[in-house]
Structure formats: structure tokens, C-alpha cells
């Protein structure tokens, strides 16, 4: 993705809003909007936005898992399974 072709001034956004929405849906590339020569806003289609949010959520889960591993807050899967089985046994008798 070449961002240099996706940079437009805010006046372009104002004048071509419908075309921009259509193009974003087709290209699925973000559009960077500038104001006074500085990048201010990124506009993207909803599908790309949702995908980005899902990716960020997964990365946060992975980072949390890594921190827990580094802190030693883990236990073997066999021990967890055994503990869960022991928890269920009293209800099985009912």
C-alpha cells in the first residue's frame, strides 16, 4: 500500500465525499486527510476498520498471555483439567 497516493487535503474531502466513500469501499485502503499541510485524519471503509479492531483485540490477548507467562502465572493444562473435573464430580451425582 503506497500511502503517498492516498493523501488528500480536507478541501478534496469536502468536494468529493461521495466519490471517496465509493472508492474506499472498493480499494479498502485508508485515505489520509491533511489540514494546513499536516496529516490530521485517516478515513477507511468499515470492513477494514472492523478487521483492524479484531486484529488489535487479538494482539492485546496475546500480549496479556505473554505477560502472564513472564510473571509465572501459568500452570500445566493437565492440572487445570484435573481441577475442573474434580469441580464437576459433585454435580454429576445429582
PDB file of N, CA and C in Angstrom:
ATOM      1  N   UNK A   1       0.854  -1.173   0.000  1.00  0.00           N
ATOM      2  CA  UNK A   1       0.000   0.000   0.000  1.00  0.00           C
ATOM      3  C   UNK A   1       0.894   1.229   0.000  1.00  0.00           C
ATOM      4  N   UNK A   2       0.725   2.051  -0.993  1.00  0.00           N
ATOM      5  CA  UNK A   2       1.516   3.273  -1.115  1.00  0.00           C
ATOM      6  C   UNK A   2       0.684   4.439  -0.590  1.00  0.00           C
ATOM      7  N   UNK A   3       1.034   4.925   0.579  1.00  0.00           N
ATOM      8  CA  UNK A   3       0.238   5.971   1.212  1.00  0.00           C
ATOM      9  C   UNK A   3       0.330   7.309   0.498  1.00  0.00           C
ATOM     10  N   UNK A   4       1.417   7.565  -0.217  1.00  0.00           N
ATOM     11  CA  UNK A   4       1.566   8.871  -0.857  1.00  0.00           C
ATOM     12  C   UNK A   4       0.439   9.173  -1.844  1.00  0.00           C
ATOM     13  N   UNK A   5      -0.133   8.132  -2.447  1.00  0.00           N
ATOM     14  CA  UNK A   5      -1.248   8.353  -3.375  1.00  0.00           C
ATOM     15  C   UNK A   5      -2.579   8.476  -2.639  1.00  0.00           C
ATOM     16  N   UNK A   6      -2.574   8.243  -1.354  1.00  0.00           N
ATOM     17  CA  UNK A   6      -3.796   8.266  -0.561  1.00  0.00           C
ATOM     18  C   UNK A   6      -3.834   9.463   0.396  1.00  0.00           C
ATOM     19  N   UNK A   7      -3.132  10.516   0.081  1.00  0.00           N
ATOM     20  CA  UNK A   7      -3.124  11.717   0.916  1.00  0.00           C
ATOM     21  C   UNK A   7      -3.831  12.836   0.158  1.00  0.00           C
ATOM     22  N   UNK A   8      -4.846  13.395   0.790  1.00  0.00           N
ATOM     23  CA  UNK A   8      -5.633  14.464   0.154  1.00  0.00           C
ATOM     24  C   UNK A   8      -5.903  15.567   1.180  1.00  0.00           C
ATOM     25  N   UNK A   9      -6.036  16.801   0.702  1.00  0.00           N
ATOM     26  CA  UNK A   9      -6.387  17.898   1.608  1.00  0.00           C
ATOM     27  C   UNK A   9      -7.863  17.832   1.992  1.00  0.00           C
ATOM     28  N   UNK A  10      -8.190  18.495   3.070  1.00  0.00           N
ATOM     29  CA  UNK A  10      -9.569  18.479   3.561  1.00  0.00           C
ATOM     30  C   UNK A  10     -10.535  19.062   2.529  1.00  0.00           C
ATOM     31  N   UNK A  11     -10.078  19.986   1.711  1.00  0.00           N
ATOM     32  CA  UNK A  11     -10.950  20.555   0.677  1.00  0.00           C
ATOM     33  C   UNK A  11     -11.365  19.481  -0.331  1.00  0.00           C
ATOM     34  N   UNK A  12     -10.488  18.532  -0.601  1.00  0.00           N
ATOM     35  CA  UNK A  12     -10.825  17.428  -1.510  1.00  0.00           C
ATOM     36  C   UNK A  12     -11.913  16.559  -0.879  1.00  0.00           C
ATOM     37  N   UNK A  13     -11.799  16.299   0.407  1.00  0.00           N
ATOM     38  CA  UNK A  13     -12.825  15.518   1.107  1.00  0.00           C
ATOM     39  C   UNK A  13     -14.178  16.210   1.018  1.00  0.00           C
ATOM     40  N   UNK A  14     -14.192  17.489   1.242  1.00  0.00           N
ATOM     41  CA  UNK A  14     -15.443  18.243   1.189  1.00  0.00           C
ATOM     42  C   UNK A  14     -16.075  18.191  -0.202  1.00  0.00           C
ATOM     43  N   UNK A  15     -15.259  18.305  -1.228  1.00  0.00           N
ATOM     44  CA  UNK A  15     -15.772  18.373  -2.600  1.00  0.00           C
ATOM     45  C   UNK A  15     -16.092  17.013  -3.210  1.00  0.00           C
ATOM     46  N   UNK A  16     -15.518  15.939  -2.680  1.00  0.00           N
ATOM     47  CA  UNK A  16     -15.656  14.618  -3.309  1.00  0.00           C
ATOM     48  C   UNK A  16     -16.088  13.526  -2.327  1.00  0.00           C
ATOM     49  N   UNK A  17     -16.875  13.858  -1.359  1.00  0.00           N
ATOM     50  CA  UNK A  17     -17.236  12.906  -0.301  1.00  0.00           C
ATOM     51  C   UNK A  17     -17.844  11.616  -0.849  1.00  0.00           C
ATOM     52  N   UNK A  18     -18.821  11.712  -1.741  1.00  0.00           N
ATOM     53  CA  UNK A  18     -19.477  10.508  -2.272  1.00  0.00           C
ATOM     54  C   UNK A  18     -18.489   9.637  -3.039  1.00  0.00           C
ATOM     55  N   UNK A  19     -17.645  10.259  -3.842  1.00  0.00           N
ATOM     56  CA  UNK A  19     -16.639   9.509  -4.602  1.00  0.00           C
ATOM     57  C   UNK A  19     -15.649   8.827  -3.657  1.00  0.00           C
ATOM     58  N   UNK A  20     -15.260   9.510  -2.599  1.00  0.00           N
ATOM     59  CA  UNK A  20     -14.319   8.947  -1.628  1.00  0.00           C
ATOM     60  C   UNK A  20     -14.922   7.721  -0.953  1.00  0.00           C
ATOM     61  N   UNK A  21     -16.172   7.816  -0.539  1.00  0.00           N
ATOM     62  CA  UNK A  21     -16.837   6.684   0.106  1.00  0.00           C
ATOM     63  C   UNK A  21     -16.871   5.492  -0.836  1.00  0.00           C
ATOM     64  N   UNK A  22     -17.209   5.714  -2.070  1.00  0.00           N
ATOM     65  CA  UNK A  22     -17.262   4.650  -3.068  1.00  0.00           C
ATOM     66  C   UNK A  22     -15.872   4.031  -3.272  1.00  0.00           C
ATOM     67  N   UNK A  23     -14.879   4.859  -3.424  1.00  0.00           N
ATOM     68  CA  UNK A  23     -13.511   4.395  -3.663  1.00  0.00           C
ATOM     69  C   UNK A  23     -12.963   3.619  -2.467  1.00  0.00           C
ATOM     70  N   UNK A  24     -13.229   4.107  -1.264  1.00  0.00           N
ATOM     71  CA  UNK A  24     -12.752   3.411  -0.071  1.00  0.00           C
ATOM     72  C   UNK A  24     -13.342   2.014   0.022  1.00  0.00           C
ATOM     73  N   UNK A  25     -14.609   1.887  -0.324  1.00  0.00           N
ATOM     74  CA  UNK A  25     -15.258   0.578  -0.297  1.00  0.00           C
ATOM     75  C   UNK A  25     -14.654  -0.391  -1.289  1.00  0.00           C
ATOM     76  N   UNK A  26     -14.223   0.119  -2.425  1.00  0.00           N
ATOM     77  CA  UNK A  26     -13.643  -0.736  -3.458  1.00  0.00           C
ATOM     78  C   UNK A  26     -12.178  -1.058  -3.182  1.00  0.00           C
ATOM     79  N   UNK A  27     -11.401  -0.057  -2.817  1.00  0.00           N
ATOM     80  CA  UNK A  27      -9.950  -0.247  -2.671  1.00  0.00           C
ATOM     81  C   UNK A  27      -9.558  -0.799  -1.306  1.00  0.00           C
ATOM     82  N   UNK A  28     -10.356  -0.543  -0.298  1.00  0.00           N
ATOM     83  CA  UNK A  28     -10.084  -0.934   1.082  1.00  0.00           C
ATOM     84  C   UNK A  28      -8.733  -0.417   1.564  1.00  0.00           C
ATOM     85  N   UNK A  29      -8.325   0.734   1.047  1.00  0.00           N
ATOM     86  CA  UNK A  29      -7.117   1.408   1.504  1.00  0.00           C
ATOM     87  C   UNK A  29      -7.524   2.690   2.213  1.00  0.00           C
ATOM     88  N   UNK A  30      -6.837   3.036   3.278  1.00  0.00           N
ATOM     89  CA  UNK A  30      -7.196   4.252   4.008  1.00  0.00           C
ATOM     90  C   UNK A  30      -6.853   5.504   3.215  1.00  0.00           C
ATOM     91  N   UNK A  31      -7.536   6.584   3.542  1.00  0.00           N
ATOM     92  CA  UNK A  31      -7.283   7.888   2.940  1.00  0.00           C
ATOM     93  C   UNK A  31      -6.847   8.818   4.064  1.00  0.00           C
ATOM     94  N   UNK A  32      -5.727   9.460   3.885  1.00  0.00           N
ATOM     95  CA  UNK A  32      -5.203  10.389   4.876  1.00  0.00           C
ATOM     96  C   UNK A  32      -5.620  11.796   4.472  1.00  0.00           C
ATOM     97  N   UNK A  33      -6.258  12.495   5.390  1.00  0.00           N
ATOM     98  CA  UNK A  33      -6.737  13.858   5.142  1.00  0.00           C
ATOM     99  C   UNK A  33      -5.806  14.837   5.863  1.00  0.00           C
ATOM    100  N   UNK A  34      -5.374  15.838   5.113  1.00  0.00           N
ATOM    101  CA  UNK A  34      -4.492  16.846   5.700  1.00  0.00           C
ATOM    102  C   UNK A  34      -5.245  18.151   5.922  1.00  0.00           C
ATOM    103  N   UNK A  35      -4.751  18.893   6.882  1.00  0.00           N
ATOM    104  CA  UNK A  35      -5.287  20.236   7.144  1.00  0.00           C
ATOM    105  C   UNK A  35      -4.083  21.131   7.404  1.00  0.00           C
ATOM    106  N   UNK A  36      -3.979  22.192   6.651  1.00  0.00           N
ATOM    107  CA  UNK A  36      -2.823  23.097   6.728  1.00  0.00           C
ATOM    108  C   UNK A  36      -1.509  22.343   6.531  1.00  0.00           C
ATOM    109  N   UNK A  37      -1.526  21.362   5.630  1.00  0.00           N
ATOM    110  CA  UNK A  37      -0.311  20.624   5.291  1.00  0.00           C
ATOM    111  C   UNK A  37       0.078  19.522   6.252  1.00  0.00           C
ATOM    112  N   UNK A  38      -0.697  19.319   7.312  1.00  0.00           N
ATOM    113  CA  UNK A  38      -0.390  18.283   8.301  1.00  0.00           C
ATOM    114  C   UNK A  38      -1.443  17.184   8.244  1.00  0.00           C
ATOM    115  N   UNK A  39      -1.000  15.939   8.353  1.00  0.00           N
ATOM    116  CA  UNK A  39      -1.930  14.811   8.408  1.00  0.00           C
ATOM    117  C   UNK A  39      -2.760  14.931   9.686  1.00  0.00           C
ATOM    118  N   UNK A  40      -4.090  14.869   9.533  1.00  0.00           N
ATOM    119  CA  UNK A  40      -4.986  15.054  10.685  1.00  0.00           C
ATOM    120  C   UNK A  40      -5.917  13.866  10.919  1.00  0.00           C
ATOM    121  N   UNK A  41      -6.369  13.231   9.823  1.00  0.00           N
ATOM    122  CA  UNK A  41      -7.413  12.211   9.948  1.00  0.00           C
ATOM    123  C   UNK A  41      -7.129  11.078   8.965  1.00  0.00           C
ATOM    124  N   UNK A  42      -7.482   9.872   9.369  1.00  0.00           N
ATOM    125  CA  UNK A  42      -7.453   8.726   8.468  1.00  0.00           C
ATOM    126  C   UNK A  42      -8.887   8.265   8.283  1.00  0.00           C
ATOM    127  N   UNK A  43      -9.303   8.120   7.035  1.00  0.00           N
ATOM    128  CA  UNK A  43     -10.648   7.658   6.711  1.00  0.00           C
ATOM    129  C   UNK A  43     -10.505   6.282   6.074  1.00  0.00           C
ATOM    130  N   UNK A  44     -11.310   5.330   6.528  1.00  0.00           N
ATOM    131  CA  UNK A  44     -11.246   3.996   5.944  1.00  0.00           C
ATOM    132  C   UNK A  44     -12.634   3.374   5.906  1.00  0.00           C
ATOM    133  N   UNK A  45     -12.789   2.337   5.070  1.00  0.00           N
ATOM    134  CA  UNK A  45     -14.083   1.675   4.974  1.00  0.00           C
ATOM    135  C   UNK A  45     -14.332   0.853   6.239  1.00  0.00           C
ATOM    136  N   UNK A  46     -15.605   0.554   6.492  1.00  0.00           N
ATOM    137  CA  UNK A  46     -15.994  -0.107   7.734  1.00  0.00           C
ATOM    138  C   UNK A  46     -15.421  -1.512   7.844  1.00  0.00           C
ATOM    139  N   UNK A  47     -15.340  -2.233   6.753  1.00  0.00           N
ATOM    140  CA  UNK A  47     -14.805  -3.600   6.791  1.00  0.00           C
ATOM    141  C   UNK A  47     -13.335  -3.586   7.221  1.00  0.00           C
ATOM    142  N   UNK A  48     -12.556  -2.678   6.679  1.00  0.00           N
ATOM    143  CA  UNK A  48     -11.145  -2.565   7.076  1.00  0.00           C
ATOM    144  C   UNK A  48     -11.023  -2.138   8.530  1.00  0.00           C
ATOM    145  N   UNK A  49     -11.894  -1.222   8.950  1.00  0.00           N
ATOM    146  CA  UNK A  49     -11.875  -0.775  10.348  1.00  0.00           C
ATOM    147  C   UNK A  49     -12.165  -1.931  11.295  1.00  0.00           C
ATOM    148  N   UNK A  50     -13.208  -2.704  10.990  1.00  0.00           N
ATOM    149  CA  UNK A  50     -13.557  -3.837  11.844  1.00  0.00           C
ATOM    150  C   UNK A  50     -12.431  -4.868  11.888  1.00  0.00           C
ATOM    151  N   UNK A  51     -11.803  -5.111  10.755  1.00  0.00           N
ATOM    152  CA  UNK A  51     -10.689  -6.055  10.707  1.00  0.00           C
ATOM    153  C   UNK A  51      -9.520  -5.552  11.565  1.00  0.00           C
ATOM    154  N   UNK A  52      -9.257  -4.266  11.491  1.00  0.00           N
ATOM    155  CA  UNK A  52      -8.201  -3.675  12.306  1.00  0.00           C
ATOM    156  C   UNK A  52      -8.508  -3.822  13.787  1.00  0.00           C
ATOM    157  N   UNK A  53      -9.755  -3.580  14.168  1.00  0.00           N
ATOM    158  CA  UNK A  53     -10.149  -3.701  15.572  1.00  0.00           C
ATOM    159  C   UNK A  53     -10.018  -5.141  16.067  1.00  0.00           C
ATOM    160  N   UNK A  54     -10.415  -6.109  15.241  1.00  0.00           N
ATOM    161  CA  UNK A  54     -10.277  -7.519  15.614  1.00  0.00           C
ATOM    162  C   UNK A  54      -8.811  -7.903  15.775  1.00  0.00           C
ATOM    163  N   UNK A  55      -7.983  -7.419  14.871  1.00  0.00           N
ATOM    164  CA  UNK A  55      -6.542  -7.696  14.948  1.00  0.00           C
ATOM    165  C   UNK A  55      -5.963  -7.114  16.229  1.00  0.00           C
ATOM    166  N   UNK A  56      -6.348  -5.893  16.552  1.00  0.00           N
ATOM    167  CA  UNK A  56      -5.858  -5.257  17.782  1.00  0.00           C
ATOM    168  C   UNK A  56      -6.297  -6.034  19.028  1.00  0.00           C
ATOM    169  N   UNK A  57      -7.527  -6.513  19.024  1.00  0.00           N
ATOM    170  CA  UNK A  57      -8.018  -7.288  20.168  1.00  0.00           C
ATOM    171  C   UNK A  57      -7.209  -8.571  20.332  1.00  0.00           C
ATOM    172  N   UNK A  58      -6.930  -9.256  19.235  1.00  0.00           N
ATOM    173  CA  UNK A  58      -6.125 -10.482  19.306  1.00  0.00           C
ATOM    174  C   UNK A  58      -4.710 -10.187  19.788  1.00  0.00           C
ATOM    175  N   UNK A  59      -4.126  -9.100  19.318  1.00  0.00           N
ATOM    176  CA  UNK A  59      -2.783  -8.736  19.759  1.00  0.00           C
ATOM    177  C   UNK A  59      -2.756  -8.411  21.252  1.00  0.00           C
ATOM    178  N   UNK A  60      -3.810  -7.768  21.755  1.00  0.00           N
ATOM    179  CA  UNK A  60      -3.889  -7.477  23.187  1.00  0.00           C
ATOM    180  C   UNK A  60      -3.978  -8.758  23.998  1.00  0.00           C
ATOM    181  N   UNK A  61      -4.760  -9.733  23.516  1.00  0.00           N
ATOM    182  CA  UNK A  61      -4.873 -11.022  24.204  1.00  0.00           C
ATOM    183  C   UNK A  61      -3.526 -11.731  24.226  1.00  0.00           C
ATOM    184  N   UNK A  62      -2.831 -11.722  23.097  1.00  0.00           N
ATOM    185  CA  UNK A  62      -1.505 -12.349  23.040  1.00  0.00           C
ATOM    186  C   UNK A  62      -0.518 -11.664  23.980  1.00  0.00           C
ATOM    187  N   UNK A  63      -0.544 -10.348  24.013  1.00  0.00           N
ATOM    188  CA  UNK A  63       0.353  -9.610  24.904  1.00  0.00           C
ATOM    189  C   UNK A  63       0.049  -9.922  26.363  1.00  0.00           C
ATOM    190  N   UNK A  64      -1.227  -9.998  26.701  1.00  0.00           N
ATOM    191  CA  UNK A  64      -1.617 -10.342  28.071  1.00  0.00           C
ATOM    192  C   UNK A  64      -1.118 -11.743  28.425  1.00  0.00           C
ATOM    193  N   UNK A  65      -1.294 -12.683  27.506  1.00  0.00           N
ATOM    194  CA  UNK A  65      -0.817 -14.044  27.736  1.00  0.00           C
ATOM    195  C   UNK A  65       0.684 -14.085  27.936  1.00  0.00           C
ATOM    196  N   UNK A  66       1.416 -13.333  27.133  1.00  0.00           N
ATOM    197  CA  UNK A  66       2.872 -13.287  27.282  1.00  0.00           C
ATOM    198  C   UNK A  66       3.278 -12.704  28.629  1.00  0.00           C
ATOM    199  N   UNK A  67       2.580 -11.656  29.076  1.00  0.00           N
ATOM    200  CA  UNK A  67       2.888 -11.074  30.394  1.00  0.00           C
ATOM    201  C   UNK A  67       2.615 -12.073  31.506  1.00  0.00           C
ATOM    202  N   UNK A  68       1.528 -12.838  31.372  1.00  0.00           N
ATOM    203  CA  UNK A  68       1.220 -13.844  32.392  1.00  0.00           C
ATOM    204  C   UNK A  68       2.266 -14.946  32.415  1.00  0.00           C
ATOM    205  N   UNK A  69       2.747 -15.341  31.251  1.00  0.00           N
ATOM    206  CA  UNK A  69       3.802 -16.359  31.184  1.00  0.00           C
ATOM    207  C   UNK A  69       5.070 -15.831  31.830  1.00  0.00           C
ATOM    208  N   UNK A  70       5.462 -14.596  31.494  1.00  0.00           N
ATOM    209  CA  UNK A  70       6.662 -13.999  32.069  1.00  0.00           C
ATOM    210  C   UNK A  70       6.556 -13.859  33.586  1.00  0.00           C
ATOM    211  N   UNK A  71       5.350 -13.606  34.085  1.00  0.00           N
ATOM    212  CA  UNK A  71       5.142 -13.452  35.527  1.00  0.00           C
ATOM    213  C   UNK A  71       4.988 -14.792  36.226  1.00  0.00           C
ATOM    214  N   UNK A  72       5.003 -15.885  35.480  1.00  0.00           N
ATOM    215  CA  UNK A  72       4.871 -17.214  36.074  1.00  0.00           C
ATOM    216  C   UNK A  72       3.454 -17.543  36.494  1.00  0.00           C
ATOM    217  N   UNK A  73       2.476 -16.859  35.950  1.00  0.00           N
ATOM    218  CA  UNK A  73       1.078 -17.100  36.312  1.00  0.00           C
ATOM    219  C   UNK A  73       0.453 -18.127  35.378  1.00  0.00           C
ATOM    220  N   UNK A  74       1.117 -19.248  35.247  1.00  0.00           N
ATOM    221  CA  UNK A  74       0.622 -20.321  34.396  1.00  0.00           C
ATOM    222  C   UNK A  74       0.707 -21.633  35.155  1.00  0.00           C
ATOM    223  N   UNK A  75      -0.064 -22.585  34.708  1.00  0.00           N
ATOM    224  CA  UNK A  75       0.034 -23.930  35.269  1.00  0.00           C
ATOM    225  C   UNK A  75      -0.229 -24.926  34.154  1.00  0.00           C
ATOM    226  N   UNK A  76       0.266 -26.123  34.303  1.00  0.00           N
ATOM    227  CA  UNK A  76       0.104 -27.126  33.243  1.00  0.00           C
ATOM    228  C   UNK A  76      -1.370 -27.397  32.927  1.00  0.00           C
ATOM    229  N   UNK A  77      -1.656 -27.634  31.667  1.00  0.00           N
ATOM    230  CA  UNK A  77      -3.031 -27.899  31.239  1.00  0.00           C
ATOM    231  C   UNK A  77      -3.601 -29.105  31.960  1.00  0.00           C
ATOM    232  N   UNK A  78      -2.804 -30.127  32.179  1.00  0.00           N
ATOM    233  CA  UNK A  78      -3.286 -31.344  32.863  1.00  0.00           C
ATOM    234  C   UNK A  78      -3.795 -31.012  34.261  1.00  0.00           C
ATOM    235  N   UNK A  79      -3.113 -30.113  34.965  1.00  0.00           N
ATOM    236  CA  UNK A  79      -3.541 -29.729  36.314  1.00  0.00           C
ATOM    237  C   UNK A  79      -4.862 -28.972  36.271  1.00  0.00           C
ATOM    238  N   UNK A  80      -5.024 -28.111  35.291  1.00  0.00           N
ATOM    239  CA  UNK A  80      -6.274 -27.349  35.154  1.00  0.00           C
ATOM    240  C   UNK A  80      -7.423 -28.283  34.819  1.00  0.00           C
ATOM    241  N   UNK A  81      -7.208 -29.208  33.914  1.00  0.00           N
ATOM    242  CA  UNK A  81      -8.253 -30.169  33.536  1.00  0.00           C
ATOM    243  C   UNK A  81      -8.655 -31.015  34.731  1.00  0.00           C
ATOM    244  N   UNK A  82      -7.696 -31.461  35.482  1.00  0.00           N
ATOM    245  CA  UNK A  82      -7.995 -32.273  36.671  1.00  0.00           C
ATOM    246  C   UNK A  82      -8.799 -31.472  37.687  1.00  0.00           C
ATOM    247  N   UNK A  83      -8.426 -30.225  37.893  1.00  0.00           N
ATOM    248  CA  UNK A  83      -9.167 -29.370  38.831  1.00  0.00           C
ATOM    249  C   UNK A  83     -10.606 -29.163  38.361  1.00  0.00           C
ATOM    250  N   UNK A  84     -10.809 -28.959  37.071  1.00  0.00           N
ATOM    251  CA  UNK A  84     -12.156 -28.793  36.534  1.00  0.00           C
ATOM    252  C   UNK A  84     -12.977 -30.074  36.669  1.00  0.00           C
ATOM    253  N   UNK A  85     -12.346 -31.207  36.461  1.00  0.00           N
ATOM    254  CA  UNK A  85     -13.062 -32.484  36.610  1.00  0.00           C
ATOM    255  C   UNK A  85     -13.489 -32.704  38.053  1.00  0.00           C
ATOM    256  N   UNK A  86     -12.642 -32.356  38.987  1.00  0.00           N
ATOM    257  CA  UNK A  86     -12.989 -32.501  40.400  1.00  0.00           C
ATOM    258  C   UNK A  86     -14.154 -31.596  40.773  1.00  0.00           C
ATOM    259  N   UNK A  87     -14.199 -30.413  40.175  1.00  0.00           N
ATOM    260  CA  UNK A  87     -15.283 -29.476  40.429  1.00  0.00           C
ATOM    261  C   UNK A  87     -16.620 -30.015  39.927  1.00  0.00           C
ATOM    262  N   UNK A  88     -16.617 -30.740  38.840  1.00  0.00           N
ATOM    263  CA  UNK A  88     -17.844 -31.237  38.241  1.00  0.00           C
ATOM    264  C   UNK A  88     -18.365 -32.504  38.912  1.00  0.00           C
ATOM    265  N   UNK A  89     -17.532 -33.278  39.532  1.00  0.00           N
ATOM    266  CA  UNK A  89     -17.946 -34.556  40.112  1.00  0.00           C
ATOM    267  C   UNK A  89     -19.122 -34.467  41.073  1.00  0.00           C
ATOM    268  N   UNK A  90     -19.163 -33.530  42.003  1.00  0.00           N
ATOM    269  CA  UNK A  90     -20.314 -33.469  42.919  1.00  0.00           C
ATOM    270  C   UNK A  90     -21.631 -33.225  42.190  1.00  0.00           C
ATOM    271  N   UNK A  91     -21.643 -32.474  41.119  1.00  0.00           N
ATOM    272  CA  UNK A  91     -22.891 -32.213  40.410  1.00  0.00           C
ATOM    273  C   UNK A  91     -23.312 -33.422  39.588  1.00  0.00           C
ATOM    274  N   UNK A  92     -22.360 -34.260  39.168  1.00  0.00           N
ATOM    275  CA  UNK A  92     -22.681 -35.461  38.405  1.00  0.00           C
ATOM    276  C   UNK A  92     -23.515 -36.432  39.233  1.00  0.00           C
ATOM    277  N   UNK A  93     -23.321 -36.438  40.558  1.00  0.00           N
ATOM    278  CA  UNK A  93     -24.029 -37.383  41.431  1.00  0.00           C
ATOM    279  C   UNK A  93     -25.504 -37.031  41.586  1.00  0.00           C
ATOM    280  N   UNK A  94     -25.864 -35.797  41.305  1.00  0.00           N
ATOM    281  CA  UNK A  94     -27.260 -35.390  41.489  1.00  0.00           C
ATOM    282  C   UNK A  94     -28.163 -35.938  40.472  1.00  0.00           C
TER     283      UNK A  94
END
